[in-house]
């Protein structure tokens, strides 16, 4: 490492023999571990002060994996045998920390990548953080699809007198006991936040884009479990049988999606412009009674 005087007097530079990995979440750690197993050095840059910062700082207390643990384990090291089929948030964090320790992965924390550009004149990637410019032949971006929350513009939100928060800021329904809460979206976070609110005696109302269905859940779960192609007639038959079996747990419409101006709480469940994955927890779905969460169709 030395000073890059030809660029900026105060900017240091570092030559990386192997790839530069951006993001110390599960994907970044997995890449670093696999590279190290093949004797390939790397530098892992993380803007936060810990690994898996999304899991540590921006998740709600009741969060659990939405798929059985054997689908979610990282390469080269499985989950502990005594972990339940659906590990909790804290169990997953402990697994990630053990993973990093096992493979001696030491990210460079508080390195916020500002720019990453390929310099064709020298055939190198130039990755600049707030105080260092890194040079390497390879760049691996592992920042994830849910790294940055997106809050849409909602007409009339300025007239709403209650607090508004994104689901990444939600921790527990204990803060909303006996309050009415509007949850926008029925993806992973929207479903579990609503269930958590019910568990803490709040009154959640859910606004969704279209009819609530467990079709995506069924397709994803059955494809993973049985390794079937989505066009398989066997899969289609199993899906319909499964949908019929959980019909008693489905939520129903109770009216239009008109928004009040009372001092309720709104929770926005959006992560990126394409929306979040629709793998809601089967356990959560079975715990929701038809009347515990009021379901509103979004008005266009």
Protein backbone atom coordinates (compact mmCIF):
# COMPACT_ATOMS: atom_id res chain seq x y z
CA UNK A 1 0.00 0.00 0.00
CA UNK A 2 1.31 3.44 -0.89
CA UNK A 3 0.15 6.94 -1.77
CA UNK A 4 -1.28 7.57 -5.25
CA UNK A 5 0.23 10.99 -5.78
CA UNK A 6 -0.63 11.07 -9.46
CA UNK A 7 -4.35 10.89 -8.62
CA UNK A 8 -5.07 12.47 -5.25
CA UNK A 9 -2.43 13.51 -2.70
CA UNK A 10 -4.45 12.17 0.26
CA UNK A 11 -5.77 9.00 -1.40
CA UNK A 12 -3.92 5.77 -0.62
CA UNK A 13 -3.85 2.90 -3.05
CA UNK A 14 -3.63 -0.85 -2.65
CA UNK A 15 -2.78 -3.56 -5.18
CA UNK A 16 -4.81 -6.75 -4.66
CA UNK A 17 -3.31 -9.97 -5.99
CA UNK A 18 -6.67 -11.75 -6.11
CA UNK A 19 -10.25 -10.53 -6.55
CA UNK A 20 -11.81 -7.59 -4.74
CA UNK A 21 -15.07 -8.68 -3.10
CA UNK A 22 -17.60 -5.99 -2.21
CA UNK A 23 -19.98 -6.97 0.60
CA UNK A 24 -19.41 -9.14 3.67
CA UNK A 25 -22.84 -10.73 3.71
CA UNK A 26 -23.43 -14.47 3.19
CA UNK A 27 -22.54 -14.34 -0.52
CA UNK A 28 -19.34 -12.35 -0.03
CA UNK A 29 -18.20 -14.64 2.76
CA UNK A 30 -18.97 -17.74 0.69
CA UNK A 31 -16.93 -16.45 -2.24
CA UNK A 32 -14.00 -15.57 0.02
CA UNK A 33 -14.10 -19.03 1.64
CA UNK A 34 -14.18 -20.87 -1.69
CA UNK A 35 -11.33 -18.79 -3.06
CA UNK A 36 -9.20 -19.40 0.02
CA UNK A 37 -9.77 -23.15 -0.29
CA UNK A 38 -8.15 -22.96 -3.72
CA UNK A 39 -5.28 -20.82 -2.51
CA UNK A 40 -6.58 -17.62 -4.11
CA UNK A 41 -6.15 -14.46 -1.99
CA UNK A 42 -8.83 -11.79 -1.92
CA UNK A 43 -9.78 -8.55 -0.22
CA UNK A 44 -13.30 -8.27 1.20
CA UNK A 45 -14.68 -4.74 1.58
CA UNK A 46 -17.62 -4.01 3.88
CA UNK A 47 -19.18 -0.60 4.47
CA UNK A 48 -20.54 -1.52 7.91
CA UNK A 49 -18.65 -2.49 11.06
CA UNK A 50 -19.63 -6.18 11.05
CA UNK A 51 -20.36 -9.12 8.77
CA UNK A 52 -23.93 -9.75 7.62
CA UNK A 53 -24.92 -6.23 8.66
CA UNK A 54 -28.38 -6.53 7.12
CA UNK A 55 -29.13 -9.48 9.40
CA UNK A 56 -27.58 -7.83 12.44
CA UNK A 57 -28.97 -4.31 12.15
CA UNK A 58 -31.97 -4.23 9.85
CA UNK A 59 -34.13 -7.24 10.66
CA UNK A 60 -37.03 -7.77 13.02
CA UNK A 61 -36.74 -9.88 16.15
CA UNK A 62 -38.99 -12.77 15.10
CA UNK A 63 -37.23 -13.32 11.74
CA UNK A 64 -36.50 -16.92 10.82
CA UNK A 65 -35.24 -18.54 7.64
CA UNK A 66 -38.10 -19.08 5.20
CA UNK A 67 -36.62 -22.28 3.79
CA UNK A 68 -35.31 -25.39 5.56
CA UNK A 69 -31.73 -24.90 6.70
CA UNK A 70 -30.20 -27.36 4.22
CA UNK A 71 -31.27 -25.05 1.38
CA UNK A 72 -29.61 -22.03 3.02
CA UNK A 73 -26.25 -23.32 4.20
CA UNK A 74 -23.09 -21.84 2.74
CA UNK A 75 -20.55 -23.95 0.85
CA UNK A 76 -18.00 -26.01 2.77
CA UNK A 77 -19.79 -25.74 6.13
CA UNK A 78 -23.33 -26.76 7.05
CA UNK A 79 -25.49 -25.60 9.93
CA UNK A 80 -24.96 -27.22 13.34
CA UNK A 81 -27.01 -30.40 13.69
CA UNK A 82 -28.76 -29.11 16.80
CA UNK A 83 -30.18 -26.09 14.93
CA UNK A 84 -33.92 -26.34 14.15
CA UNK A 85 -35.14 -26.82 10.59
CA UNK A 86 -35.84 -23.08 10.37
CA UNK A 87 -33.05 -21.28 12.29
CA UNK A 88 -33.83 -18.01 14.00
CA UNK A 89 -32.23 -14.69 13.20
CA UNK A 90 -29.72 -15.01 16.04
CA UNK A 91 -28.87 -18.59 15.14
CA UNK A 92 -28.19 -17.59 11.55
CA UNK A 93 -25.95 -14.73 12.70
CA UNK A 94 -23.97 -17.11 14.94
CA UNK A 95 -23.60 -19.50 12.01
CA UNK A 96 -22.29 -16.69 9.78
CA UNK A 97 -19.80 -15.59 12.45
CA UNK A 98 -18.59 -19.18 12.91
CA UNK A 99 -18.24 -19.48 9.14
CA UNK A 100 -16.00 -16.40 8.94
CA UNK A 101 -13.88 -17.65 11.83
CA UNK A 102 -13.57 -21.15 10.35
CA UNK A 103 -12.09 -19.85 7.10
CA UNK A 104 -10.15 -16.97 8.67
CA UNK A 105 -12.09 -14.36 6.70
CA UNK A 106 -11.20 -10.88 7.87
CA UNK A 107 -13.11 -8.19 5.97
CA UNK A 108 -11.92 -4.61 5.84
CA UNK A 109 -14.74 -2.89 7.67
CA UNK A 110 -15.98 0.67 7.22
CA UNK A 111 -14.83 0.63 3.59
CA UNK A 112 -17.71 2.21 1.69
CA UNK A 113 -17.25 1.69 -2.05
CA UNK A 114 -17.89 4.96 -3.86
CA UNK A 115 -16.97 3.95 -7.41
CA UNK A 116 -15.86 0.83 -9.25
CA UNK A 117 -14.56 1.28 -12.78
CA UNK A 118 -12.63 -0.88 -15.22
CA UNK A 119 -9.58 0.92 -16.58
CA UNK A 120 -9.05 -0.50 -20.06
CA UNK A 121 -5.70 1.28 -20.38
CA UNK A 122 -4.16 -1.01 -17.77
CA UNK A 123 -6.68 -3.85 -17.68
CA UNK A 124 -7.50 -3.36 -14.00
CA UNK A 125 -10.51 -2.63 -11.86
CA UNK A 126 -10.22 0.55 -9.82
CA UNK A 127 -12.39 0.39 -6.72
CA UNK A 128 -12.45 3.54 -4.64
CA UNK A 129 -13.66 3.82 -1.05
CA UNK A 130 -13.67 6.95 1.10
CA UNK A 131 -9.91 6.79 1.69
CA UNK A 132 -8.34 4.00 -0.40
CA UNK A 133 -8.28 3.10 -4.08
CA UNK A 134 -7.91 -0.64 -4.72
CA UNK A 135 -6.56 -2.14 -7.95
CA UNK A 136 -7.24 -5.68 -9.12
CA UNK A 137 -7.82 -7.76 -12.23
CA UNK A 138 -11.06 -9.10 -10.79
CA UNK A 139 -14.09 -7.58 -9.08
CA UNK A 140 -16.89 -9.52 -7.36
CA UNK A 141 -19.97 -7.56 -6.25
CA UNK A 142 -21.82 -9.34 -3.43
CA UNK A 143 -23.97 -6.53 -2.05
CA UNK A 144 -27.26 -8.46 -2.35
CA UNK A 145 -30.63 -7.54 -3.83
CA UNK A 146 -32.12 -6.23 -0.59
CA UNK A 147 -29.27 -4.03 0.56
CA UNK A 148 -31.06 -0.70 0.14
CA UNK A 149 -34.70 -0.07 1.13
CA UNK A 150 -36.94 1.84 -1.25
CA UNK A 151 -39.82 3.94 0.06
CA UNK A 152 -42.28 4.93 -2.68
CA UNK A 153 -43.94 8.29 -3.03
CA UNK A 154 -47.42 7.96 -1.54
CA UNK A 155 -49.98 10.62 -2.31
CA UNK A 156 -51.29 12.27 0.85
CA UNK A 157 -48.63 10.82 3.14
CA UNK A 158 -47.86 14.33 4.37
CA UNK A 159 -51.38 14.49 5.86
CA UNK A 160 -50.94 11.29 7.81
CA UNK A 161 -50.42 12.13 11.49
CA UNK A 162 -48.94 8.83 12.66
CA UNK A 163 -45.40 7.50 12.33
CA UNK A 164 -44.25 5.91 9.07
CA UNK A 165 -41.42 3.38 8.92
CA UNK A 166 -39.81 0.96 6.52
CA UNK A 167 -39.87 -2.73 7.45
CA UNK A 168 -36.08 -2.62 7.85
CA UNK A 169 -36.63 -0.34 10.87
CA UNK A 170 -39.29 -2.56 12.43
CA UNK A 171 -38.15 -4.65 15.41
CA UNK A 172 -41.15 -5.91 17.35
CA UNK A 173 -44.91 -5.56 17.60
CA UNK A 174 -44.54 -4.84 21.31
CA UNK A 175 -44.34 -1.14 20.46
CA UNK A 176 -47.74 -1.19 18.71
CA UNK A 177 -49.99 -2.94 21.22
CA UNK A 178 -53.68 -2.03 20.71
CA UNK A 179 -52.81 0.20 17.73
CA UNK A 180 -54.04 -0.05 14.15
CA UNK A 181 -51.18 -0.58 11.71
CA UNK A 182 -51.27 -0.43 7.91
CA UNK A 183 -48.75 -2.78 6.27
CA UNK A 184 -48.10 -2.10 2.57
CA UNK A 185 -47.09 -5.28 0.76
CA UNK A 186 -47.42 -9.01 1.46
CA UNK A 187 -43.93 -10.30 0.73
CA UNK A 188 -41.75 -11.98 3.31
CA UNK A 189 -41.54 -8.96 5.62
CA UNK A 190 -45.15 -7.88 5.20
CA UNK A 191 -46.50 -11.30 6.13
CA UNK A 192 -44.27 -11.81 9.15
CA UNK A 193 -44.63 -8.25 10.42
CA UNK A 194 -48.41 -8.64 10.27
CA UNK A 195 -48.24 -11.91 12.19
CA UNK A 196 -45.93 -10.35 14.76
CA UNK A 197 -48.32 -7.44 15.21
CA UNK A 198 -51.21 -9.83 15.81
CA UNK A 199 -49.10 -11.74 18.33
CA UNK A 200 -48.59 -8.48 20.25
CA UNK A 201 -52.29 -7.56 20.19
CA UNK A 202 -52.04 -4.89 17.51
CA UNK A 203 -54.59 -4.59 14.67
CA UNK A 204 -52.80 -4.83 11.32
CA UNK A 205 -54.38 -3.94 7.97
CA UNK A 206 -52.55 -5.18 4.87
CA UNK A 207 -52.64 -3.47 1.47
CA UNK A 208 -51.49 -5.67 -1.42
CA UNK A 209 -51.14 -5.28 -5.16
CA UNK A 210 -53.34 -8.29 -6.01
CA UNK A 211 -55.17 -11.24 -4.45
CA UNK A 212 -53.28 -12.93 -1.63
CA UNK A 213 -52.21 -16.41 -2.67
CA UNK A 214 -49.79 -19.08 -1.56
CA UNK A 215 -49.15 -20.16 -5.17
CA UNK A 216 -45.60 -18.78 -5.23
CA UNK A 217 -44.88 -20.36 -1.87
CA UNK A 218 -46.10 -23.71 -3.15
CA UNK A 219 -44.13 -23.60 -6.38
CA UNK A 220 -40.91 -22.56 -4.69
CA UNK A 221 -41.20 -25.02 -1.81
CA UNK A 222 -42.13 -28.01 -3.95
CA UNK A 223 -39.51 -27.29 -6.60
CA UNK A 224 -36.80 -27.11 -3.96
CA UNK A 225 -38.01 -30.20 -2.10
CA UNK A 226 -38.61 -32.47 -5.09
CA UNK A 227 -36.31 -30.91 -7.71
CA UNK A 228 -39.13 -30.69 -10.24
CA UNK A 229 -39.27 -28.47 -13.30
CA UNK A 230 -41.93 -25.76 -13.20
CA UNK A 231 -43.60 -27.29 -16.29
CA UNK A 232 -43.92 -30.73 -14.69
CA UNK A 233 -47.48 -32.06 -14.62
CA UNK A 234 -46.67 -33.78 -11.32
CA UNK A 235 -45.68 -30.43 -9.82
CA UNK A 236 -48.86 -28.77 -11.06
CA UNK A 237 -51.01 -31.50 -9.51
CA UNK A 238 -49.16 -31.28 -6.20
CA UNK A 239 -49.57 -27.50 -6.18
CA UNK A 240 -53.34 -27.67 -6.49
CA UNK A 241 -53.62 -30.37 -3.83
CA UNK A 242 -51.47 -28.25 -1.54
CA UNK A 243 -53.45 -25.08 -2.21
CA UNK A 244 -56.69 -26.86 -1.34
CA UNK A 245 -55.15 -28.13 1.90
CA UNK A 246 -54.24 -24.63 3.13
CA UNK A 247 -57.40 -22.88 1.93
CA UNK A 248 -58.77 -22.58 5.50
CA UNK A 249 -55.74 -20.43 6.38
CA UNK A 250 -56.07 -17.98 3.47
CA UNK A 251 -56.87 -14.34 4.16
CA UNK A 252 -59.99 -12.69 2.76
CA UNK A 253 -60.89 -9.23 1.51
CA UNK A 254 -62.86 -7.06 3.89
CA UNK A 255 -63.17 -3.87 1.86
CA UNK A 256 -61.37 -1.32 -0.25
CA UNK A 257 -57.95 0.10 0.43
CA UNK A 258 -58.95 3.54 1.61
CA UNK A 259 -56.37 5.08 3.92
CA UNK A 260 -57.43 6.95 7.04
CA UNK A 261 -55.71 9.94 8.57
CA UNK A 262 -55.94 8.61 12.12
CA UNK A 263 -52.86 8.19 14.26
CA UNK A 264 -52.16 4.69 13.08
CA UNK A 265 -48.80 3.34 12.00
CA UNK A 266 -47.79 2.61 8.45
CA UNK A 267 -45.08 0.10 7.64
CA UNK A 268 -43.73 0.06 4.10
CA UNK A 269 -42.60 -3.35 2.86
CA UNK A 270 -40.60 -2.56 -0.29
CA UNK A 271 -36.92 -3.33 -0.87
CA UNK A 272 -36.14 -2.61 -4.51
CA UNK A 273 -37.79 -1.57 -7.75
CA UNK A 274 -38.53 -5.18 -8.67
CA UNK A 275 -40.10 -6.15 -5.33
CA UNK A 276 -39.01 -8.76 -2.84
CA UNK A 277 -39.14 -12.52 -3.29
CA UNK A 278 -42.50 -14.01 -2.38
CA UNK A 279 -41.33 -16.90 -0.15
CA UNK A 280 -43.44 -16.25 2.90
CA UNK A 281 -43.00 -18.60 5.83
CA UNK A 282 -45.34 -21.59 5.72
CA UNK A 283 -45.39 -21.56 9.51
CA UNK A 284 -46.48 -17.93 9.45
CA UNK A 285 -49.20 -18.66 6.93
CA UNK A 286 -50.68 -21.40 9.07
CA UNK A 287 -50.74 -19.20 12.17
CA UNK A 288 -52.72 -16.41 10.52
CA UNK A 289 -56.45 -16.82 10.99
CA UNK A 290 -58.86 -15.49 8.33
CA UNK A 291 -59.91 -12.55 10.53
CA UNK A 292 -56.74 -11.64 12.41
CA UNK A 293 -55.29 -9.51 9.59
CA UNK A 294 -57.55 -7.25 7.57
CA UNK A 295 -56.64 -7.50 3.90
CA UNK A 296 -57.24 -4.65 1.45
CA UNK A 297 -56.81 -4.68 -2.32
CA UNK A 298 -54.64 -1.84 -3.60
CA UNK A 299 -56.57 0.84 -5.43
CA UNK A 300 -54.90 1.98 -8.67
